[in-house]
Amino acid sequence: MTVEVSAEITVSGNVQGVGYRYFAQKEALALGLNGNVMNMADGRSVKVMVSGRKPAVEALITELKKGPPSGRVLSVDIEWKAAPLSVKGFSIKY
């Protein structure tokens, strides 16, 4: 049985203006995950909402901690959610 999970992930550091959202989208789509990513108003963090198979979500978290070569991740906060997201695909919110 495949367990579906959801998570709200906040990534802080030098993650705006460096292609981090595109990086997150590419990684999530490659893993078959659903959700979205957006810049936060603080200018130094992005929020990732993701849903999918638990091993795939965990693999995405591993990649989000690395980030793209042009960025620098300082912290990753994860809040696990009980219900899966009702979205299909993975989008960048503007």
PDB file of N, CA and C in Angstrom:
ATOM      1  N   MET A   1       0.834  -1.186   0.000  1.00  0.00           N
ATOM      2  CA  MET A   1       0.000   0.000   0.000  1.00  0.00           C
ATOM      3  C   MET A   1       0.880   1.252   0.000  1.00  0.00           C
ATOM      4  N   THR A   2       0.569   2.173  -0.892  1.00  0.00           N
ATOM      5  CA  THR A   2       1.316   3.416  -0.995  1.00  0.00           C
ATOM      6  C   THR A   2       0.672   4.471  -0.115  1.00  0.00           C
ATOM      7  N   VAL A   3       1.465   5.055   0.753  1.00  0.00           N
ATOM      8  CA  VAL A   3       0.965   6.086   1.658  1.00  0.00           C
ATOM      9  C   VAL A   3       1.142   7.455   1.005  1.00  0.00           C
ATOM     10  N   GLU A   4       0.024   8.196   0.907  1.00  0.00           N
ATOM     11  CA  GLU A   4       0.061   9.567   0.390  1.00  0.00           C
ATOM     12  C   GLU A   4       0.211  10.516   1.568  1.00  0.00           C
ATOM     13  N   VAL A   5       1.090  11.465   1.432  1.00  0.00           N
ATOM     14  CA  VAL A   5       1.316  12.463   2.479  1.00  0.00           C
ATOM     15  C   VAL A   5       1.340  13.848   1.853  1.00  0.00           C
ATOM     16  N   SER A   6       1.203  14.846   2.693  1.00  0.00           N
ATOM     17  CA  SER A   6       1.337  16.242   2.274  1.00  0.00           C
ATOM     18  C   SER A   6       2.253  16.953   3.256  1.00  0.00           C
ATOM     19  N   ALA A   7       2.927  17.982   2.760  1.00  0.00           N
ATOM     20  CA  ALA A   7       3.802  18.762   3.622  1.00  0.00           C
ATOM     21  C   ALA A   7       3.830  20.209   3.165  1.00  0.00           C
ATOM     22  N   GLU A   8       3.981  21.093   4.145  1.00  0.00           N
ATOM     23  CA  GLU A   8       4.225  22.508   3.890  1.00  0.00           C
ATOM     24  C   GLU A   8       5.664  22.751   4.294  1.00  0.00           C
ATOM     25  N   ILE A   9       6.487  23.144   3.322  1.00  0.00           N
ATOM     26  CA  ILE A   9       7.925  23.262   3.540  1.00  0.00           C
ATOM     27  C   ILE A   9       8.340  24.714   3.321  1.00  0.00           C
ATOM     28  N   THR A  10       9.016  25.286   4.303  1.00  0.00           N
ATOM     29  CA  THR A  10       9.532  26.643   4.178  1.00  0.00           C
ATOM     30  C   THR A  10      11.049  26.561   4.095  1.00  0.00           C
ATOM     31  N   VAL A  11      11.590  27.084   3.004  1.00  0.00           N
ATOM     32  CA  VAL A  11      13.030  27.059   2.767  1.00  0.00           C
ATOM     33  C   VAL A  11      13.535  28.492   2.860  1.00  0.00           C
ATOM     34  N   SER A  12      14.532  28.719   3.713  1.00  0.00           N
ATOM     35  CA  SER A  12      15.082  30.060   3.911  1.00  0.00           C
ATOM     36  C   SER A  12      16.543  30.109   3.509  1.00  0.00           C
ATOM     37  N   GLY A  13      16.988  31.295   3.149  1.00  0.00           N
ATOM     38  CA  GLY A  13      18.375  31.519   2.748  1.00  0.00           C
ATOM     39  C   GLY A  13      18.397  32.419   1.527  1.00  0.00           C
ATOM     40  N   ASN A  14      19.361  32.205   0.642  1.00  0.00           N
ATOM     41  CA  ASN A  14      19.428  32.933  -0.628  1.00  0.00           C
ATOM     42  C   ASN A  14      18.671  32.095  -1.649  1.00  0.00           C
ATOM     43  N   VAL A  15      17.322  32.182  -1.582  1.00  0.00           N
ATOM     44  CA  VAL A  15      16.485  31.317  -2.410  1.00  0.00           C
ATOM     45  C   VAL A  15      15.512  32.103  -3.294  1.00  0.00           C
ATOM     46  N   GLN A  16      15.602  33.419  -3.296  1.00  0.00           N
ATOM     47  CA  GLN A  16      14.792  34.231  -4.208  1.00  0.00           C
ATOM     48  C   GLN A  16      15.709  34.894  -5.225  1.00  0.00           C
ATOM     49  N   GLY A  17      15.267  34.901  -6.477  1.00  0.00           N
ATOM     50  CA  GLY A  17      16.059  35.522  -7.537  1.00  0.00           C
ATOM     51  C   GLY A  17      17.202  34.656  -8.032  1.00  0.00           C
ATOM     52  N   VAL A  18      17.191  33.366  -7.685  1.00  0.00           N
ATOM     53  CA  VAL A  18      18.275  32.462  -8.088  1.00  0.00           C
ATOM     54  C   VAL A  18      17.741  31.223  -8.819  1.00  0.00           C
ATOM     55  N   GLY A  19      16.459  31.241  -9.193  1.00  0.00           N
ATOM     56  CA  GLY A  19      15.868  30.100  -9.894  1.00  0.00           C
ATOM     57  C   GLY A  19      15.414  28.979  -8.986  1.00  0.00           C
ATOM     58  N   TYR A  20      15.255  29.266  -7.706  1.00  0.00           N
ATOM     59  CA  TYR A  20      14.896  28.203  -6.758  1.00  0.00           C
ATOM     60  C   TYR A  20      13.510  27.633  -7.030  1.00  0.00           C
ATOM     61  N   ARG A  21      12.542  28.489  -7.363  1.00  0.00           N
ATOM     62  CA  ARG A  21      11.186  27.990  -7.630  1.00  0.00           C
ATOM     63  C   ARG A  21      11.174  27.056  -8.838  1.00  0.00           C
ATOM     64  N   TYR A  22      11.923  27.411  -9.875  1.00  0.00           N
ATOM     65  CA  TYR A  22      11.989  26.563 -11.068  1.00  0.00           C
ATOM     66  C   TYR A  22      12.673  25.239 -10.740  1.00  0.00           C
ATOM     67  N   PHE A  23      13.722  25.321  -9.911  1.00  0.00           N
ATOM     68  CA  PHE A  23      14.416  24.116  -9.445  1.00  0.00           C
ATOM     69  C   PHE A  23      13.452  23.206  -8.691  1.00  0.00           C
ATOM     70  N   ALA A  24      12.679  23.775  -7.764  1.00  0.00           N
ATOM     71  CA  ALA A  24      11.730  23.003  -6.965  1.00  0.00           C
ATOM     72  C   ALA A  24      10.666  22.363  -7.860  1.00  0.00           C
ATOM     73  N   GLN A  25      10.166  23.129  -8.829  1.00  0.00           N
ATOM     74  CA  GLN A  25       9.152  22.603  -9.737  1.00  0.00           C
ATOM     75  C   GLN A  25       9.706  21.429 -10.544  1.00  0.00           C
ATOM     76  N   LYS A  26      10.900  21.584 -11.095  1.00  0.00           N
ATOM     77  CA  LYS A  26      11.511  20.522 -11.903  1.00  0.00           C
ATOM     78  C   LYS A  26      11.684  19.247 -11.086  1.00  0.00           C
ATOM     79  N   GLU A  27      12.191  19.381  -9.859  1.00  0.00           N
ATOM     80  CA  GLU A  27      12.404  18.219  -8.996  1.00  0.00           C
ATOM     81  C   GLU A  27      11.077  17.555  -8.625  1.00  0.00           C
ATOM     82  N   ALA A  28      10.069  18.360  -8.289  1.00  0.00           N
ATOM     83  CA  ALA A  28       8.766  17.815  -7.892  1.00  0.00           C
ATOM     84  C   ALA A  28       8.103  17.076  -9.052  1.00  0.00           C
ATOM     85  N   LEU A  29       8.148  17.658 -10.242  1.00  0.00           N
ATOM     86  CA  LEU A  29       7.542  17.007 -11.402  1.00  0.00           C
ATOM     87  C   LEU A  29       8.258  15.698 -11.737  1.00  0.00           C
ATOM     88  N   ALA A  30       9.579  15.693 -11.618  1.00  0.00           N
ATOM     89  CA  ALA A  30      10.347  14.476 -11.884  1.00  0.00           C
ATOM     90  C   ALA A  30       9.978  13.355 -10.913  1.00  0.00           C
ATOM     91  N   LEU A  31       9.556  13.723  -9.713  1.00  0.00           N
ATOM     92  CA  LEU A  31       9.171  12.746  -8.694  1.00  0.00           C
ATOM     93  C   LEU A  31       7.677  12.416  -8.720  1.00  0.00           C
ATOM     94  N   GLY A  32       6.935  13.049  -9.637  1.00  0.00           N
ATOM     95  CA  GLY A  32       5.509  12.784  -9.758  1.00  0.00           C
ATOM     96  C   GLY A  32       4.665  13.378  -8.649  1.00  0.00           C
ATOM     97  N   LEU A  33       5.117  14.492  -8.092  1.00  0.00           N
ATOM     98  CA  LEU A  33       4.416  15.118  -6.969  1.00  0.00           C
ATOM     99  C   LEU A  33       3.469  16.219  -7.424  1.00  0.00           C
ATOM    100  N   ASN A  34       2.515  16.548  -6.582  1.00  0.00           N
ATOM    101  CA  ASN A  34       1.551  17.623  -6.825  1.00  0.00           C
ATOM    102  C   ASN A  34       1.800  18.748  -5.829  1.00  0.00           C
ATOM    103  N   GLY A  35       1.487  19.979  -6.249  1.00  0.00           N
ATOM    104  CA  GLY A  35       1.601  21.093  -5.322  1.00  0.00           C
ATOM    105  C   GLY A  35       2.003  22.371  -6.006  1.00  0.00           C
ATOM    106  N   ASN A  36       2.665  23.246  -5.238  1.00  0.00           N
ATOM    107  CA  ASN A  36       3.112  24.523  -5.778  1.00  0.00           C
ATOM    108  C   ASN A  36       4.243  25.087  -4.933  1.00  0.00           C
ATOM    109  N   VAL A  37       4.892  26.104  -5.490  1.00  0.00           N
ATOM    110  CA  VAL A  37       5.980  26.795  -4.802  1.00  0.00           C
ATOM    111  C   VAL A  37       5.816  28.287  -5.044  1.00  0.00           C
ATOM    112  N   MET A  38       6.116  29.093  -4.018  1.00  0.00           N
ATOM    113  CA  MET A  38       6.022  30.544  -4.176  1.00  0.00           C
ATOM    114  C   MET A  38       7.034  31.254  -3.287  1.00  0.00           C
ATOM    115  N   ASN A  39       7.426  32.456  -3.752  1.00  0.00           N
ATOM    116  CA  ASN A  39       8.272  33.317  -2.931  1.00  0.00           C
ATOM    117  C   ASN A  39       7.436  33.881  -1.794  1.00  0.00           C
ATOM    118  N   MET A  40       8.064  34.064  -0.652  1.00  0.00           N
ATOM    119  CA  MET A  40       7.395  34.686   0.491  1.00  0.00           C
ATOM    120  C   MET A  40       7.746  36.173   0.519  1.00  0.00           C
ATOM    121  N   ALA A  41       6.891  36.953   1.161  1.00  0.00           N
ATOM    122  CA  ALA A  41       7.044  38.411   1.192  1.00  0.00           C
ATOM    123  C   ALA A  41       8.298  38.872   1.928  1.00  0.00           C
ATOM    124  N   ASP A  42       8.893  38.009   2.750  1.00  0.00           N
ATOM    125  CA  ASP A  42      10.082  38.416   3.513  1.00  0.00           C
ATOM    126  C   ASP A  42      11.322  38.586   2.648  1.00  0.00           C
ATOM    127  N   GLY A  43      11.272  38.135   1.383  1.00  0.00           N
ATOM    128  CA  GLY A  43      12.406  38.295   0.472  1.00  0.00           C
ATOM    129  C   GLY A  43      13.528  37.304   0.670  1.00  0.00           C
ATOM    130  N   ARG A  44      13.367  36.364   1.613  1.00  0.00           N
ATOM    131  CA  ARG A  44      14.452  35.426   1.884  1.00  0.00           C
ATOM    132  C   ARG A  44      13.989  33.979   2.040  1.00  0.00           C
ATOM    133  N   SER A  45      12.725  33.709   1.677  1.00  0.00           N
ATOM    134  CA  SER A  45      12.251  32.329   1.806  1.00  0.00           C
ATOM    135  C   SER A  45      11.234  31.989   0.731  1.00  0.00           C
ATOM    136  N   VAL A  46      11.056  30.694   0.501  1.00  0.00           N
ATOM    137  CA  VAL A  46      10.024  30.186  -0.388  1.00  0.00           C
ATOM    138  C   VAL A  46       9.206  29.153   0.378  1.00  0.00           C
ATOM    139  N   LYS A  47       7.947  29.017  -0.023  1.00  0.00           N
ATOM    140  CA  LYS A  47       7.076  28.024   0.585  1.00  0.00           C
ATOM    141  C   LYS A  47       6.722  26.992  -0.477  1.00  0.00           C
ATOM    142  N   VAL A  48       6.867  25.723  -0.122  1.00  0.00           N
ATOM    143  CA  VAL A  48       6.527  24.623  -1.007  1.00  0.00           C
ATOM    144  C   VAL A  48       5.392  23.841  -0.364  1.00  0.00           C
ATOM    145  N   MET A  49       4.284  23.711  -1.083  1.00  0.00           N
ATOM    146  CA  MET A  49       3.170  22.864  -0.666  1.00  0.00           C
ATOM    147  C   MET A  49       3.231  21.644  -1.570  1.00  0.00           C
ATOM    148  N   VAL A  50       3.321  20.454  -0.984  1.00  0.00           N
ATOM    149  CA  VAL A  50       3.528  19.258  -1.796  1.00  0.00           C
ATOM    150  C   VAL A  50       2.703  18.091  -1.271  1.00  0.00           C
ATOM    151  N   SER A  51       2.311  17.230  -2.209  1.00  0.00           N
ATOM    152  CA  SER A  51       1.521  16.056  -1.864  1.00  0.00           C
ATOM    153  C   SER A  51       1.934  14.914  -2.796  1.00  0.00           C
ATOM    154  N   GLY A  52       1.980  13.709  -2.243  1.00  0.00           N
ATOM    155  CA  GLY A  52       2.331  12.545  -3.056  1.00  0.00           C
ATOM    156  C   GLY A  52       2.781  11.388  -2.193  1.00  0.00           C
ATOM    157  N   ARG A  53       3.396  10.391  -2.832  1.00  0.00           N
ATOM    158  CA  ARG A  53       3.902   9.234  -2.110  1.00  0.00           C
ATOM    159  C   ARG A  53       4.994   9.679  -1.141  1.00  0.00           C
ATOM    160  N   LYS A  54       4.967   9.115   0.065  1.00  0.00           N
ATOM    161  CA  LYS A  54       5.901   9.549   1.103  1.00  0.00           C
ATOM    162  C   LYS A  54       7.367   9.460   0.669  1.00  0.00           C
ATOM    163  N   PRO A  55       7.827   8.360   0.046  1.00  0.00           N
ATOM    164  CA  PRO A  55       9.238   8.327  -0.367  1.00  0.00           C
ATOM    165  C   PRO A  55       9.589   9.439  -1.362  1.00  0.00           C
ATOM    166  N   ALA A  56       8.640   9.797  -2.238  1.00  0.00           N
ATOM    167  CA  ALA A  56       8.887  10.862  -3.210  1.00  0.00           C
ATOM    168  C   ALA A  56       8.947  12.221  -2.521  1.00  0.00           C
ATOM    169  N   VAL A  57       8.057  12.462  -1.557  1.00  0.00           N
ATOM    170  CA  VAL A  57       8.087  13.726  -0.812  1.00  0.00           C
ATOM    171  C   VAL A  57       9.400  13.839  -0.041  1.00  0.00           C
ATOM    172  N   GLU A  58       9.828  12.745   0.563  1.00  0.00           N
ATOM    173  CA  GLU A  58      11.106  12.758   1.297  1.00  0.00           C
ATOM    174  C   GLU A  58      12.273  13.002   0.354  1.00  0.00           C
ATOM    175  N   ALA A  59      12.218  12.450  -0.865  1.00  0.00           N
ATOM    176  CA  ALA A  59      13.274  12.687  -1.854  1.00  0.00           C
ATOM    177  C   ALA A  59      13.294  14.156  -2.268  1.00  0.00           C
ATOM    178  N   LEU A  60      12.106  14.759  -2.417  1.00  0.00           N
ATOM    179  CA  LEU A  60      12.052  16.187  -2.750  1.00  0.00           C
ATOM    180  C   LEU A  60      12.670  17.017  -1.640  1.00  0.00           C
ATOM    181  N   ILE A  61      12.361  16.698  -0.404  1.00  0.00           N
ATOM    182  CA  ILE A  61      12.920  17.444   0.731  1.00  0.00           C
ATOM    183  C   ILE A  61      14.444  17.389   0.711  1.00  0.00           C
ATOM    184  N   THR A  62      14.987  16.233   0.390  1.00  0.00           N
ATOM    185  CA  THR A  62      16.448  16.090   0.286  1.00  0.00           C
ATOM    186  C   THR A  62      16.999  17.053  -0.760  1.00  0.00           C
ATOM    187  N   GLU A  63      16.339  17.142  -1.915  1.00  0.00           N
ATOM    188  CA  GLU A  63      16.791  18.047  -2.976  1.00  0.00           C
ATOM    189  C   GLU A  63      16.591  19.508  -2.600  1.00  0.00           C
ATOM    190  N   LEU A  64      15.482  19.815  -1.929  1.00  0.00           N
ATOM    191  CA  LEU A  64      15.238  21.199  -1.520  1.00  0.00           C
ATOM    192  C   LEU A  64      16.308  21.690  -0.554  1.00  0.00           C
ATOM    193  N   LYS A  65      16.835  20.792   0.269  1.00  0.00           N
ATOM    194  CA  LYS A  65      17.908  21.165   1.200  1.00  0.00           C
ATOM    195  C   LYS A  65      19.184  21.528   0.456  1.00  0.00           C
ATOM    196  N   LYS A  66      19.398  20.942  -0.715  1.00  0.00           N
ATOM    197  CA  LYS A  66      20.578  21.251  -1.537  1.00  0.00           C
ATOM    198  C   LYS A  66      20.362  22.539  -2.315  1.00  0.00           C
ATOM    199  N   GLY A  67      19.207  22.643  -2.988  1.00  0.00           N
ATOM    200  CA  GLY A  67      18.895  23.814  -3.798  1.00  0.00           C
ATOM    201  C   GLY A  67      19.692  23.855  -5.081  1.00  0.00           C
ATOM    202  N   PRO A  68      19.436  24.853  -5.929  1.00  0.00           N
ATOM    203  CA  PRO A  68      20.192  25.013  -7.172  1.00  0.00           C
ATOM    204  C   PRO A  68      21.582  25.554  -6.880  1.00  0.00           C
ATOM    205  N   PRO A  69      22.515  25.378  -7.817  1.00  0.00           N
ATOM    206  CA  PRO A  69      23.892  25.862  -7.588  1.00  0.00           C
ATOM    207  C   PRO A  69      23.974  27.357  -7.292  1.00  0.00           C
ATOM    208  N   SER A  70      23.050  28.146  -7.836  1.00  0.00           N
ATOM    209  CA  SER A  70      23.100  29.596  -7.647  1.00  0.00           C
ATOM    210  C   SER A  70      22.516  30.061  -6.316  1.00  0.00           C
ATOM    211  N   GLY A  71      21.885  29.158  -5.565  1.00  0.00           N
ATOM    212  CA  GLY A  71      21.259  29.529  -4.298  1.00  0.00           C
ATOM    213  C   GLY A  71      22.045  29.039  -3.097  1.00  0.00           C
ATOM    214  N   ARG A  72      21.543  29.389  -1.926  1.00  0.00           N
ATOM    215  CA  ARG A  72      22.161  28.929  -0.686  1.00  0.00           C
ATOM    216  C   ARG A  72      21.060  28.713   0.342  1.00  0.00           C
ATOM    217  N   VAL A  73      20.840  27.465   0.703  1.00  0.00           N
ATOM    218  CA  VAL A  73      19.800  27.113   1.663  1.00  0.00           C
ATOM    219  C   VAL A  73      20.378  27.170   3.071  1.00  0.00           C
ATOM    220  N   LEU A  74      19.718  27.927   3.945  1.00  0.00           N
ATOM    221  CA  LEU A  74      20.159  28.021   5.336  1.00  0.00           C
ATOM    222  C   LEU A  74      19.308  27.158   6.261  1.00  0.00           C
ATOM    223  N   SER A  75      18.004  27.052   5.963  1.00  0.00           N
ATOM    224  CA  SER A  75      17.148  26.211   6.806  1.00  0.00           C
ATOM    225  C   SER A  75      15.953  25.702   6.013  1.00  0.00           C
ATOM    226  N   VAL A  76      15.462  24.532   6.446  1.00  0.00           N
ATOM    227  CA  VAL A  76      14.276  23.924   5.846  1.00  0.00           C
ATOM    228  C   VAL A  76      13.369  23.480   6.992  1.00  0.00           C
ATOM    229  N   ASP A  77      12.171  24.064   7.050  1.00  0.00           N
ATOM    230  CA  ASP A  77      11.189  23.706   8.075  1.00  0.00           C
ATOM    231  C   ASP A  77      10.057  22.938   7.415  1.00  0.00           C
ATOM    232  N   ILE A  78       9.702  21.799   7.983  1.00  0.00           N
ATOM    233  CA  ILE A  78       8.694  20.918   7.406  1.00  0.00           C
ATOM    234  C   ILE A  78       7.537  20.754   8.383  1.00  0.00           C
ATOM    235  N   GLU A  79       6.336  20.969   7.869  1.00  0.00           N
ATOM    236  CA  GLU A  79       5.128  20.715   8.649  1.00  0.00           C
ATOM    237  C   GLU A  79       4.312  19.681   7.874  1.00  0.00           C
ATOM    238  N   TRP A  80       4.220  18.464   8.415  1.00  0.00           N
ATOM    239  CA  TRP A  80       3.464  17.396   7.771  1.00  0.00           C
ATOM    240  C   TRP A  80       1.976  17.651   7.947  1.00  0.00           C
ATOM    241  N   LYS A  81       1.212  17.377   6.902  1.00  0.00           N
ATOM    242  CA  LYS A  81      -0.237  17.599   6.899  1.00  0.00           C
ATOM    243  C   LYS A  81      -0.958  16.257   6.801  1.00  0.00           C
ATOM    244  N   ALA A  82      -2.177  16.216   7.334  1.00  0.00           N
ATOM    245  CA  ALA A  82      -2.954  14.981   7.348  1.00  0.00           C
ATOM    246  C   ALA A  82      -3.587  14.659   5.999  1.00  0.00           C
ATOM    247  N   ALA A  83      -4.072  15.661   5.305  1.00  0.00           N
ATOM    248  CA  ALA A  83      -4.811  15.415   4.060  1.00  0.00           C
ATOM    249  C   ALA A  83      -3.976  15.767   2.833  1.00  0.00           C
ATOM    250  N   PRO A  84      -4.128  15.009   1.754  1.00  0.00           N
ATOM    251  CA  PRO A  84      -3.423  15.349   0.518  1.00  0.00           C
ATOM    252  C   PRO A  84      -3.993  16.629  -0.098  1.00  0.00           C
ATOM    253  N   LEU A  85      -3.184  17.308  -0.869  1.00  0.00           N
ATOM    254  CA  LEU A  85      -3.640  18.513  -1.564  1.00  0.00           C
ATOM    255  C   LEU A  85      -4.629  18.119  -2.656  1.00  0.00           C
ATOM    256  N   SER A  86      -5.501  19.020  -3.005  1.00  0.00           N
ATOM    257  CA  SER A  86      -6.498  18.723  -4.031  1.00  0.00           C
ATOM    258  C   SER A  86      -6.064  19.211  -5.412  1.00  0.00           C
ATOM    259  N   VAL A  87      -4.783  19.506  -5.590  1.00  0.00           N
ATOM    260  CA  VAL A  87      -4.274  19.976  -6.878  1.00  0.00           C
ATOM    261  C   VAL A  87      -3.563  18.852  -7.615  1.00  0.00           C
ATOM    262  N   LYS A  88      -3.552  18.968  -8.935  1.00  0.00           N
ATOM    263  CA  LYS A  88      -2.803  18.026  -9.762  1.00  0.00           C
ATOM    264  C   LYS A  88      -1.712  18.812 -10.481  1.00  0.00           C
ATOM    265  N   GLY A  89      -0.544  18.199 -10.615  1.00  0.00           N
ATOM    266  CA  GLY A  89       0.575  18.894 -11.228  1.00  0.00           C
ATOM    267  C   GLY A  89       1.324  19.707 -10.185  1.00  0.00           C
ATOM    268  N   PHE A  90       2.324  20.442 -10.630  1.00  0.00           N
ATOM    269  CA  PHE A  90       3.123  21.250  -9.709  1.00  0.00           C
ATOM    270  C   PHE A  90       3.389  22.590 -10.362  1.00  0.00           C
ATOM    271  N   SER A  91       2.898  23.662  -9.747  1.00  0.00           N
ATOM    272  CA  SER A  91       2.982  24.981 -10.373  1.00  0.00           C
ATOM    273  C   SER A  91       3.820  25.951  -9.541  1.00  0.00           C
ATOM    274  N   ILE A  92       4.228  27.012 -10.231  1.00  0.00           N
ATOM    275  CA  ILE A  92       4.908  28.136  -9.579  1.00  0.00           C
ATOM    276  C   ILE A  92       3.863  29.221  -9.397  1.00  0.00           C
ATOM    277  N   LYS A  93       3.692  29.678  -8.165  1.00  0.00           N
ATOM    278  CA  LYS A  93       2.764  30.779  -7.900  1.00  0.00           C
ATOM    279  C   LYS A  93       3.529  32.082  -7.927  1.00  0.00           C
ATOM    280  N   TYR A  94       2.920  33.084  -8.539  1.00  0.00           N
ATOM    281  CA  TYR A  94       3.550  34.406  -8.648  1.00  0.00           C
ATOM    282  C   TYR A  94       2.828  35.414  -7.802  1.00  0.00           C
TER     283      TYR A  94
END
